[in-house]
Amino acid sequence: MVERNKWILYKHTSSYDMIKAVALDVKNSCKTDISDTERYRMQERLAALNLYHTRNPKDKPLDAINHRINTLEFWMFGYENIDKDKKFMFSPLGNLFLKYINDEQKLIKIFVAMLFAIQFQHPASGTDKSFQLYPFRLIFKLLTDERLSGKLYNFEYAQILAFKESIDHNKYENLVKEILDLRSKSIDEIKNIYLSDEHTYVNAVYEWEYYTCTLLSSIGIFREFSGDIICKLYHPSKTGSRSNPTGRKATNGYVELQPQVIPFITRMLNEYSAMQMPISLDDNERLRIDIIKEIYSFYPQVLMEEIGESDELTKLLELPKLIEEYSNNPDNDTAYKFEEVLTEGFDMFYNVKTKRIGGAGHTDIECLYLTKKKKFAVESKSTANKLIGINAGRLREQREEIGGAYTIVITSRYVPAAKRDIKDTPIVIILANTFAEYLYNHIFNEIRDIDYKDFDDIIVNHLGEDVSKLISKMTLDKFATTNKK
């Protein structure tokens, strides 16, 4: 029988202490360099803490460590760059988690926010691309639904929820009905369902009962209630294997939310709907790394208010979302707000003076690079979908009006033709999430004297191009190799 596609939850550790230790090690000991050499050293350090054991050191000794790094990626601590020099870029929430590593009450809320950020498809999960939803938002919605009495039984996850590919209001109502119908069945009927497709259900049981529930209970998000064994399910035997298949116990246990997290989760669900469509990983007009950065940039204002954190970071990291929000306005009557956010962003360079101008025939933001006494223009471009073109002639007129050396166009995404419009002109494109990521890392690492020199050097040597990739590399080189805190 061909196994059906399902959600894939990460199953290589259920230890909260292990996750914390690896995150701290990557940040402080590896200094976010996660080359093979550093992974061997990490292995030794974790072994010294009695947090690492290998069955056979001669057989792929880095497998377990690689799983530890992948665990951080799945739970949204950050992402591994795809270049040959392996580096780990902590996400805003990953950095926030490490900042409050000794404050368990804040860590619970930060981890809840990480769960809200997890989507399918996920950059660090093998879940099939047919799945397009936020899995833990949906789980939280079910656990706060009075019709389900605040409970989710293990068999409800394994037999129903793990196979849901998408969700909307109608599908959600049908899902609740499905769960209530399954809940009314006898244990023998539930057992027969398991045994009807054992090789598919065993993985769902294993990932949910053995790992996810255990981890989230140890963090303080779930309350886990053990139940009786319904049956044992077995993984299929590998070809040529002489060992017996491994059996997993499927139980009728269930989980509830810990009472102290319910108000925060309710607030989060009001702001970040379980029905929201996730960010597409298959956009063939965007670099994959830009999509990944957007996924990992989730940084909710609700969390900042809950833990008493400054909203300065949030404003910057909301930039890509704000572009989307304003660009979807049919009358474009919120575009000025995007200009204001960009003005604040460029004001963060200590040697750049900004003035927002805007209006027909004028550049959006006039900037003066004080060190070189050089002016440049910044244009905010938000459109209903993707930026389809750049009027280089109009930007030249606006640039000449202020005596600017070049124009920076900042947008969320664009069609390839837009890049051709700026070829051989003093215009560059910078993607909004790239700009936000650069500023965020400076703020979080308490670097307030941000020098515009690095930007200017890249721009003058790459006029007529999209310089986002170069700025991303500069961010990685600066913050994914050296621990600034």
Protein backbone atom coordinates (compact mmCIF):
# COMPACT_ATOMS: atom_id res chain seq x y z
CA MET A 1 0.00 0.00 0.00
CA VAL A 2 1.29 3.47 -0.90
CA GLU A 3 1.62 5.70 2.15
CA ARG A 4 -0.44 8.88 2.10
CA ASN A 5 1.14 12.29 2.43
CA LYS A 6 0.82 13.85 5.87
CA TRP A 7 2.28 16.55 8.07
CA ILE A 8 5.88 15.84 9.00
CA LEU A 9 6.73 16.97 12.53
CA TYR A 10 10.37 16.91 13.57
CA LYS A 11 11.15 13.82 15.61
CA HIS A 12 14.84 13.74 16.44
CA THR A 13 14.60 15.15 19.96
CA SER A 14 11.92 15.71 22.56
CA SER A 15 14.40 17.29 24.98
CA TYR A 16 13.88 20.98 25.69
CA ASP A 17 17.24 21.08 27.48
CA MET A 18 18.92 19.70 24.37
CA ILE A 19 17.35 22.36 22.15
CA LYS A 20 18.46 25.11 24.53
CA ALA A 21 21.98 23.71 24.76
CA VAL A 22 22.39 23.45 20.99
CA ALA A 23 21.04 26.97 20.41
CA LEU A 24 23.43 28.39 23.00
CA ASP A 25 26.33 26.40 21.57
CA VAL A 26 25.68 27.59 18.02
CA LYS A 27 25.44 31.20 19.21
CA ASN A 28 28.29 31.32 21.70
CA SER A 29 30.78 28.53 21.01
CA CYS A 30 30.39 28.04 17.28
CA LYS A 31 29.68 31.75 16.90
CA THR A 32 27.12 30.63 14.31
CA ASP A 33 29.80 29.00 12.13
CA ILE A 34 28.35 25.52 11.64
CA SER A 35 30.94 24.04 9.31
CA ASP A 36 31.73 20.33 9.68
CA THR A 37 34.74 21.22 11.82
CA GLU A 38 32.56 23.15 14.25
CA ARG A 39 29.96 20.38 14.27
CA TYR A 40 32.59 17.88 15.42
CA ARG A 41 33.55 20.29 18.21
CA MET A 42 29.91 20.78 19.13
CA GLN A 43 29.55 17.02 19.36
CA GLU A 44 32.41 16.92 21.88
CA ARG A 45 30.98 19.78 23.94
CA LEU A 46 27.51 18.22 24.11
CA ALA A 47 29.03 14.86 25.03
CA ALA A 48 30.86 16.54 27.91
CA LEU A 49 27.47 17.85 29.11
CA ASN A 50 26.05 14.32 28.82
CA LEU A 51 23.69 15.60 26.12
CA TYR A 52 25.13 13.62 23.23
CA HIS A 53 25.68 9.91 22.70
CA THR A 54 26.39 8.07 19.47
CA ARG A 55 25.62 4.46 18.79
CA ASN A 56 28.50 4.02 16.38
CA PRO A 57 31.10 6.82 16.14
CA LYS A 58 32.54 5.30 12.98
CA ASP A 59 29.24 5.39 11.12
CA LYS A 60 28.35 8.93 9.96
CA PRO A 61 29.29 10.55 13.27
CA LEU A 62 27.77 13.92 12.34
CA ASP A 63 24.27 12.57 11.73
CA ALA A 64 23.02 13.35 15.24
CA ILE A 65 24.56 16.84 15.25
CA ASN A 66 23.04 17.56 11.85
CA HIS A 67 19.66 16.59 13.30
CA ARG A 68 20.25 19.02 16.19
CA ILE A 69 20.84 21.89 13.72
CA ASN A 70 17.78 20.86 11.72
CA THR A 71 15.77 20.87 14.95
CA LEU A 72 16.62 24.55 15.46
CA GLU A 73 15.53 25.28 11.91
CA PHE A 74 12.22 23.43 12.27
CA TRP A 75 11.30 25.21 15.50
CA MET A 76 12.15 28.58 13.87
CA PHE A 77 15.29 29.50 15.80
CA GLY A 78 16.91 30.43 12.51
CA TYR A 79 18.11 29.07 9.21
CA GLU A 80 21.28 27.72 7.67
CA ASN A 81 22.58 29.64 4.70
CA ILE A 82 22.90 27.66 1.48
CA ASP A 83 26.44 28.70 0.59
CA LYS A 84 29.38 26.34 0.94
CA ASP A 85 30.63 28.17 4.04
CA LYS A 86 27.99 26.96 6.45
CA LYS A 87 26.63 29.65 8.76
CA PHE A 88 23.55 29.89 10.91
CA MET A 89 21.48 33.06 10.94
CA PHE A 90 19.31 33.32 14.05
CA SER A 91 15.80 34.56 13.42
CA PRO A 92 14.41 37.50 15.42
CA LEU A 93 12.53 35.05 17.64
CA GLY A 94 15.63 32.86 17.98
CA ASN A 95 17.65 35.82 19.18
CA LEU A 96 14.86 36.85 21.54
CA PHE A 97 14.76 33.31 22.98
CA LEU A 98 18.48 33.43 23.76
CA LYS A 99 18.15 36.91 25.22
CA TYR A 100 15.66 35.59 27.80
CA ILE A 101 17.19 32.11 28.18
CA ASN A 102 16.91 32.31 31.98
CA ASP A 103 13.34 33.61 32.11
CA GLU A 104 11.12 30.55 31.69
CA GLN A 105 7.83 32.46 31.64
CA LYS A 106 8.95 34.63 28.74
CA LEU A 107 10.48 31.63 26.96
CA ILE A 108 7.10 29.88 26.93
CA LYS A 109 5.51 32.81 25.11
CA ILE A 110 8.44 33.14 22.71
CA PHE A 111 8.18 29.45 21.84
CA VAL A 112 4.43 29.84 21.29
CA ALA A 113 5.23 32.62 18.81
CA MET A 114 7.69 30.28 17.07
CA LEU A 115 4.90 27.73 16.73
CA PHE A 116 2.69 30.40 15.15
CA ALA A 117 5.45 30.99 12.57
CA ILE A 118 5.72 27.35 11.51
CA GLN A 119 4.08 26.76 8.17
CA PHE A 120 3.66 23.96 5.69
CA GLN A 121 5.45 23.97 3.35
CA HIS A 122 8.34 24.50 5.73
CA PRO A 123 11.93 25.16 4.60
CA ALA A 124 13.20 22.60 7.14
CA SER A 125 10.53 19.92 6.80
CA GLY A 126 9.85 17.34 4.14
CA THR A 127 6.10 17.91 4.25
CA ASP A 128 4.69 17.67 0.73
CA LYS A 129 4.01 20.93 -1.11
CA SER A 130 0.32 20.07 -1.33
CA PHE A 131 0.06 21.11 2.34
CA GLN A 132 -0.49 24.86 2.68
CA LEU A 133 -1.39 25.92 6.22
CA TYR A 134 -0.07 26.90 9.66
CA PRO A 135 -0.26 23.59 11.59
CA PHE A 136 0.16 24.82 15.15
CA ARG A 137 -2.22 27.73 14.68
CA LEU A 138 -4.80 25.14 13.67
CA ILE A 139 -3.95 22.94 16.66
CA PHE A 140 -4.28 25.93 19.01
CA LYS A 141 -7.61 26.89 17.45
CA LEU A 142 -8.93 23.38 18.04
CA LEU A 143 -7.64 23.39 21.63
CA THR A 144 -9.51 26.64 22.33
CA ASP A 145 -12.74 25.47 20.65
CA GLU A 146 -15.41 24.91 23.33
CA ARG A 147 -17.07 22.21 21.21
CA LEU A 148 -13.97 20.05 21.71
CA SER A 149 -13.79 20.77 25.46
CA GLY A 150 -10.23 22.05 25.12
CA LYS A 151 -8.93 18.57 24.30
CA LEU A 152 -7.21 16.96 21.35
CA TYR A 153 -6.89 13.19 21.54
CA ASN A 154 -3.82 11.54 20.09
CA PHE A 155 -5.85 9.45 17.65
CA GLU A 156 -7.60 12.61 16.42
CA TYR A 157 -4.27 14.07 15.44
CA ALA A 158 -2.95 10.83 13.90
CA GLN A 159 -6.07 9.83 11.99
CA ILE A 160 -7.51 13.19 10.93
CA LEU A 161 -5.50 16.33 11.58
CA ALA A 162 -2.14 15.18 10.16
CA PHE A 163 -3.73 14.78 6.72
CA LYS A 164 -5.34 18.21 6.38
CA GLU A 165 -3.78 20.00 3.42
CA SER A 166 -5.45 23.40 3.79
CA ILE A 167 -7.96 25.18 5.97
CA ASP A 168 -10.67 27.78 5.65
CA HIS A 169 -13.83 28.45 7.64
CA ASN A 170 -15.89 25.77 5.94
CA LYS A 171 -13.10 23.21 6.14
CA TYR A 172 -12.60 24.07 9.79
CA GLU A 173 -16.25 23.41 10.61
CA ASN A 174 -16.06 20.08 8.78
CA LEU A 175 -12.86 19.27 10.68
CA VAL A 176 -14.58 19.81 14.03
CA LYS A 177 -17.43 17.53 12.91
CA GLU A 178 -14.92 14.86 11.85
CA ILE A 179 -13.20 15.01 15.22
CA LEU A 180 -16.47 14.80 17.15
CA ASP A 181 -17.55 11.87 15.01
CA LEU A 182 -14.26 10.02 15.63
CA ARG A 183 -14.54 10.83 19.33
CA SER A 184 -17.87 9.01 19.43
CA LYS A 185 -16.40 5.76 18.07
CA SER A 186 -15.40 2.80 20.21
CA ILE A 187 -11.77 1.92 20.92
CA ASP A 188 -12.12 -1.15 18.69
CA GLU A 189 -13.33 1.01 15.80
CA ILE A 190 -10.40 3.42 16.29
CA LYS A 191 -8.03 0.45 16.43
CA ASN A 192 -9.39 -0.91 13.15
CA ILE A 193 -8.82 2.47 11.49
CA TYR A 194 -5.19 2.39 12.64
CA LEU A 195 -4.65 -1.14 11.37
CA SER A 196 -6.24 -0.34 8.00
CA ASP A 197 -3.25 1.86 7.06
CA GLU A 198 -0.66 0.95 9.65
CA HIS A 199 2.47 2.15 7.82
CA THR A 200 1.08 5.64 7.38
CA TYR A 201 -0.44 6.04 10.84
CA VAL A 202 2.63 4.75 12.67
CA ASN A 203 4.65 7.78 11.63
CA ALA A 204 1.91 10.19 12.69
CA VAL A 205 1.70 8.47 16.09
CA TYR A 206 5.46 8.43 16.50
CA GLU A 207 5.98 12.11 15.66
CA TRP A 208 3.03 13.33 17.72
CA GLU A 209 2.97 11.15 20.84
CA TYR A 210 6.67 10.37 21.23
CA TYR A 211 8.12 13.76 20.33
CA THR A 212 5.85 16.79 19.82
CA CYS A 213 3.55 16.28 22.80
CA THR A 214 6.47 15.41 25.07
CA LEU A 215 8.44 18.49 24.02
CA LEU A 216 5.58 20.98 24.23
CA SER A 217 4.55 19.58 27.62
CA SER A 218 8.08 19.97 28.97
CA ILE A 219 8.13 23.59 27.77
CA GLY A 220 4.86 24.34 29.56
CA ILE A 221 2.54 24.79 26.57
CA PHE A 222 0.66 21.47 26.68
CA ARG A 223 -0.73 19.45 29.56
CA GLU A 224 -0.30 15.84 28.51
CA PHE A 225 -2.67 13.14 29.80
CA SER A 226 -1.60 9.56 29.27
CA GLY A 227 -4.13 7.00 28.14
CA ASP A 228 -4.53 3.29 27.57
CA ILE A 229 -2.80 1.57 24.69
CA ILE A 230 -5.12 1.16 21.71
CA CYS A 231 -2.72 -1.00 19.71
CA LYS A 232 0.86 -1.29 18.55
CA LEU A 233 1.73 -0.06 15.08
CA TYR A 234 4.80 -1.15 13.18
CA HIS A 235 7.09 0.63 10.76
CA PRO A 236 7.60 -1.21 7.46
CA SER A 237 10.72 -3.38 7.34
CA LYS A 238 13.55 -2.03 5.25
CA THR A 239 14.58 -4.10 2.27
CA GLY A 240 17.20 -6.64 3.30
CA SER A 241 16.79 -5.91 7.02
CA ARG A 242 17.07 -8.87 9.37
CA SER A 243 15.79 -7.02 12.43
CA ASN A 244 12.19 -7.09 13.55
CA PRO A 245 10.00 -4.08 12.69
CA THR A 246 9.86 -1.40 15.38
CA GLY A 247 6.52 -1.09 17.16
CA ARG A 248 5.00 2.17 18.44
CA LYS A 249 2.24 2.39 21.03
CA ALA A 250 -0.84 4.31 19.92
CA THR A 251 -2.80 5.49 22.95
CA ASN A 252 -6.06 7.26 23.68
CA GLY A 253 -4.26 9.96 25.66
CA TYR A 254 -4.88 13.64 24.96
CA VAL A 255 -3.45 17.12 25.41
CA GLU A 256 -4.86 20.38 26.70
CA LEU A 257 -3.32 23.84 26.80
CA GLN A 258 -1.72 24.88 30.06
CA PRO A 259 -4.12 27.43 31.60
CA GLN A 260 -1.47 30.15 31.82
CA VAL A 261 -0.85 30.18 28.04
CA ILE A 262 -4.50 30.28 26.94
CA PRO A 263 -4.92 34.11 27.16
CA PHE A 264 -1.76 34.71 25.13
CA ILE A 265 -2.64 32.07 22.52
CA THR A 266 -6.12 33.56 22.23
CA ARG A 267 -4.61 37.00 21.58
CA MET A 268 -2.26 35.55 19.00
CA LEU A 269 -5.10 33.73 17.20
CA ASN A 270 -7.03 36.99 17.01
CA GLU A 271 -4.08 38.62 15.25
CA TYR A 272 -2.67 35.67 13.29
CA SER A 273 -5.46 33.51 11.94
CA ALA A 274 -5.23 29.76 11.49
CA MET A 275 -6.94 30.38 8.13
CA GLN A 276 -4.14 32.56 6.78
CA MET A 277 -2.37 31.30 3.67
CA PRO A 278 1.34 30.62 4.28
CA ILE A 279 4.18 32.15 2.28
CA SER A 280 4.76 30.21 -0.93
CA LEU A 281 8.07 28.38 -1.21
CA ASP A 282 7.50 27.81 -4.92
CA ASP A 283 7.60 31.38 -6.21
CA ASN A 284 9.79 31.03 -9.30
CA GLU A 285 10.34 34.78 -9.53
CA ARG A 286 12.03 35.06 -6.12
CA LEU A 287 15.26 33.61 -4.80
CA ARG A 288 14.61 30.83 -2.30
CA ILE A 289 16.78 32.54 0.31
CA ASP A 290 14.56 35.65 0.11
CA ILE A 291 11.47 33.52 0.71
CA ILE A 292 13.16 31.79 3.65
CA LYS A 293 14.16 35.12 5.19
CA GLU A 294 10.56 36.32 4.99
CA ILE A 295 9.27 33.14 6.66
CA TYR A 296 11.78 33.42 9.51
CA SER A 297 11.20 37.16 10.02
CA PHE A 298 7.95 36.59 11.98
CA TYR A 299 8.09 38.87 15.02
CA PRO A 300 4.61 39.61 16.44
CA GLN A 301 3.81 42.84 18.21
CA VAL A 302 1.50 40.91 20.55
CA LEU A 303 4.52 39.02 21.89
CA MET A 304 6.49 42.23 22.40
CA GLU A 305 3.67 43.66 24.49
CA GLU A 306 3.31 40.46 26.51
CA ILE A 307 6.97 40.26 27.51
CA GLY A 308 7.53 44.01 27.85
CA GLU A 309 10.01 44.19 24.96
CA SER A 310 10.70 47.39 23.01
CA ASP A 311 8.68 47.76 19.82
CA GLU A 312 11.65 49.28 17.97
CA LEU A 313 12.64 45.92 16.51
CA THR A 314 9.08 45.08 15.68
CA LYS A 315 8.66 48.17 13.52
CA LEU A 316 11.62 47.22 11.38
CA LEU A 317 10.70 43.57 11.09
CA GLU A 318 7.14 44.46 10.17
CA LEU A 319 8.47 46.20 7.05
CA PRO A 320 7.83 43.34 4.57
CA LYS A 321 4.35 42.79 6.02
CA LEU A 322 3.59 46.51 5.84
CA ILE A 323 4.55 46.56 2.18
CA GLU A 324 2.14 43.71 1.51
CA GLU A 325 -0.61 45.40 3.51
CA TYR A 326 -0.22 48.77 1.82
CA SER A 327 0.24 47.32 -1.66
CA ASN A 328 -3.07 45.49 -1.38
CA ASN A 329 -4.90 48.79 -0.75
CA PRO A 330 -6.77 49.48 -4.03
CA ASP A 331 -6.59 53.27 -3.59
CA ASN A 332 -2.98 53.20 -2.43
CA ASP A 333 -3.90 55.64 0.34
CA THR A 334 -1.49 54.08 2.84
CA ALA A 335 1.65 54.34 0.70
CA TYR A 336 2.81 57.32 2.75
CA LYS A 337 3.11 55.06 5.80
CA PHE A 338 5.59 52.88 3.94
CA GLU A 339 7.60 55.99 3.11
CA GLU A 340 7.62 56.91 6.79
CA VAL A 341 8.93 53.47 7.79
CA LEU A 342 11.70 53.67 5.19
CA THR A 343 12.63 57.15 6.35
CA GLU A 344 13.03 55.82 9.88
CA GLY A 345 15.14 52.97 8.53
CA PHE A 346 17.62 55.19 6.71
CA ASP A 347 17.72 57.53 9.70
CA MET A 348 19.35 54.66 11.59
CA PHE A 349 22.58 55.22 9.68
CA TYR A 350 24.48 57.68 11.85
CA ASN A 351 26.01 59.36 8.80
CA VAL A 352 22.83 59.70 6.70
CA LYS A 353 20.42 62.61 6.97
CA THR A 354 16.95 62.04 5.53
CA LYS A 355 14.02 64.17 4.42
CA ARG A 356 10.74 62.70 3.26
CA ILE A 357 9.44 64.58 0.22
CA GLY A 358 6.99 62.48 -1.81
CA GLY A 359 4.30 63.77 -4.09
CA ALA A 360 3.97 63.75 -7.86
CA GLY A 361 7.24 64.37 -9.67
CA HIS A 362 9.39 64.14 -6.55
CA THR A 363 11.44 61.39 -4.99
CA ASP A 364 9.96 59.76 -1.90
CA ILE A 365 12.97 60.29 0.36
CA GLU A 366 15.94 62.61 -0.11
CA CYS A 367 19.08 61.37 1.66
CA LEU A 368 22.47 62.95 2.30
CA TYR A 369 25.44 60.67 2.95
CA LEU A 370 27.28 63.04 5.29
CA THR A 371 30.70 61.38 5.14
CA LYS A 372 31.04 61.94 1.39
CA LYS A 373 28.62 64.87 1.15
CA LYS A 374 26.70 62.87 -1.45
CA LYS A 375 22.96 62.82 -2.00
CA PHE A 376 20.88 59.84 -3.07
CA ALA A 377 17.18 59.13 -3.54
CA VAL A 378 15.06 56.35 -2.04
CA GLU A 379 11.90 55.20 -3.81
CA SER A 380 9.29 53.04 -2.08
CA LYS A 381 7.51 50.81 -4.56
CA SER A 382 4.44 48.89 -3.42
CA THR A 383 2.07 47.33 -5.91
CA ALA A 384 -0.98 45.07 -5.77
CA ASN A 385 1.10 42.06 -6.76
CA LYS A 386 4.70 42.26 -7.95
CA LEU A 387 6.44 45.39 -9.17
CA ILE A 388 6.07 45.07 -12.94
CA GLY A 389 8.34 47.90 -14.06
CA ILE A 390 10.59 50.79 -13.06
CA ASN A 391 10.41 54.10 -14.94
CA ALA A 392 14.11 54.91 -15.12
CA GLY A 393 13.48 58.21 -16.93
CA ARG A 394 11.18 59.50 -14.21
CA LEU A 395 13.61 58.42 -11.49
CA ARG A 396 16.40 60.27 -13.34
CA GLU A 397 14.35 63.49 -13.27
CA GLN A 398 13.61 63.08 -9.57
CA ARG A 399 17.26 62.34 -8.85
CA GLU A 400 18.42 65.39 -10.82
CA GLU A 401 15.98 67.55 -8.84
CA ILE A 402 17.88 66.81 -5.62
CA GLY A 403 21.32 66.39 -7.21
CA GLY A 404 21.44 62.73 -6.24
CA ALA A 405 24.16 60.28 -7.28
CA TYR A 406 21.87 57.25 -7.45
CA THR A 407 18.40 55.93 -6.59
CA ILE A 408 17.57 53.00 -4.31
CA VAL A 409 14.28 51.30 -5.11
CA ILE A 410 12.90 49.28 -2.20
CA THR A 411 10.11 46.80 -2.83
CA SER A 412 8.89 43.43 -1.60
CA ARG A 413 9.13 41.56 -4.91
CA TYR A 414 9.21 42.23 -8.63
CA VAL A 415 8.96 40.54 -12.02
CA PRO A 416 12.24 39.90 -13.88
CA ALA A 417 11.50 42.64 -16.43
CA ALA A 418 11.84 45.29 -13.72
CA LYS A 419 15.51 44.44 -13.38
CA ARG A 420 16.03 45.00 -17.09
CA ASP A 421 14.54 48.49 -16.73
CA ILE A 422 17.45 49.62 -14.54
CA LYS A 423 20.33 48.07 -16.49
CA ASP A 424 23.14 50.61 -17.13
CA THR A 425 21.46 53.23 -14.92
CA PRO A 426 22.42 54.65 -11.50
CA ILE A 427 19.54 52.72 -9.91
CA VAL A 428 19.64 49.68 -7.61
CA ILE A 429 16.95 47.46 -6.11
CA ILE A 430 16.97 46.32 -2.47
CA LEU A 431 14.32 43.89 -1.25
CA ALA A 432 12.49 45.06 1.86
CA ASN A 433 13.15 41.95 3.93
CA THR A 434 16.87 42.23 3.14
CA PHE A 435 16.93 45.83 4.36
CA ALA A 436 14.91 44.96 7.46
CA GLU A 437 17.14 41.99 8.30
CA TYR A 438 20.26 44.15 8.06
CA LEU A 439 18.87 46.83 10.37
CA TYR A 440 17.38 44.31 12.79
CA ASN A 441 20.69 42.56 13.39
CA HIS A 442 22.38 45.85 14.19
CA ILE A 443 19.68 46.87 16.66
CA PHE A 444 19.49 43.49 18.39
CA ASN A 445 23.26 43.35 18.78
CA GLU A 446 23.22 46.90 20.21
CA ILE A 447 25.23 48.41 17.36
CA ARG A 448 23.76 51.89 17.14
CA ASP A 449 26.51 53.53 15.06
CA ILE A 450 25.45 51.96 11.76
CA ASP A 451 27.80 53.18 9.04
CA TYR A 452 26.37 53.75 5.57
CA LYS A 453 29.78 53.12 3.99
CA ASP A 454 29.15 49.41 3.40
CA PHE A 455 25.89 50.15 1.59
CA ASP A 456 27.43 52.89 -0.51
CA ASP A 457 30.41 50.72 -1.50
CA ILE A 458 28.13 47.94 -2.72
CA ILE A 459 25.79 50.30 -4.56
CA VAL A 460 28.41 52.31 -6.48
CA ASN A 461 30.07 49.11 -7.67
CA HIS A 462 26.80 47.47 -8.76
CA LEU A 463 24.66 50.22 -10.28
CA GLY A 464 21.86 48.89 -12.46
CA GLU A 465 21.46 45.71 -10.38
CA ASP A 466 19.49 44.13 -7.57
CA VAL A 467 22.03 44.32 -4.73
CA SER A 468 19.90 42.38 -2.21
CA LYS A 469 22.05 39.26 -2.39
CA LEU A 470 25.22 41.28 -1.72
CA ILE A 471 23.65 43.00 1.28
CA SER A 472 22.41 39.65 2.58
CA LYS A 473 25.93 38.27 2.30
CA MET A 474 27.27 41.31 4.15
CA THR A 475 24.72 40.67 6.93
CA LEU A 476 25.76 37.03 7.15
CA ASP A 477 29.45 37.88 7.20
CA LYS A 478 28.90 40.39 9.96
CA PHE A 479 26.45 38.56 12.20
CA ALA A 480 26.68 34.86 11.34
CA THR A 481 30.39 34.57 12.14
CA THR A 482 30.87 36.76 15.19
CA ASN A 483 28.89 36.85 18.39
CA LYS A 484 28.23 40.53 19.04
CA LYS A 485 26.36 40.18 22.30
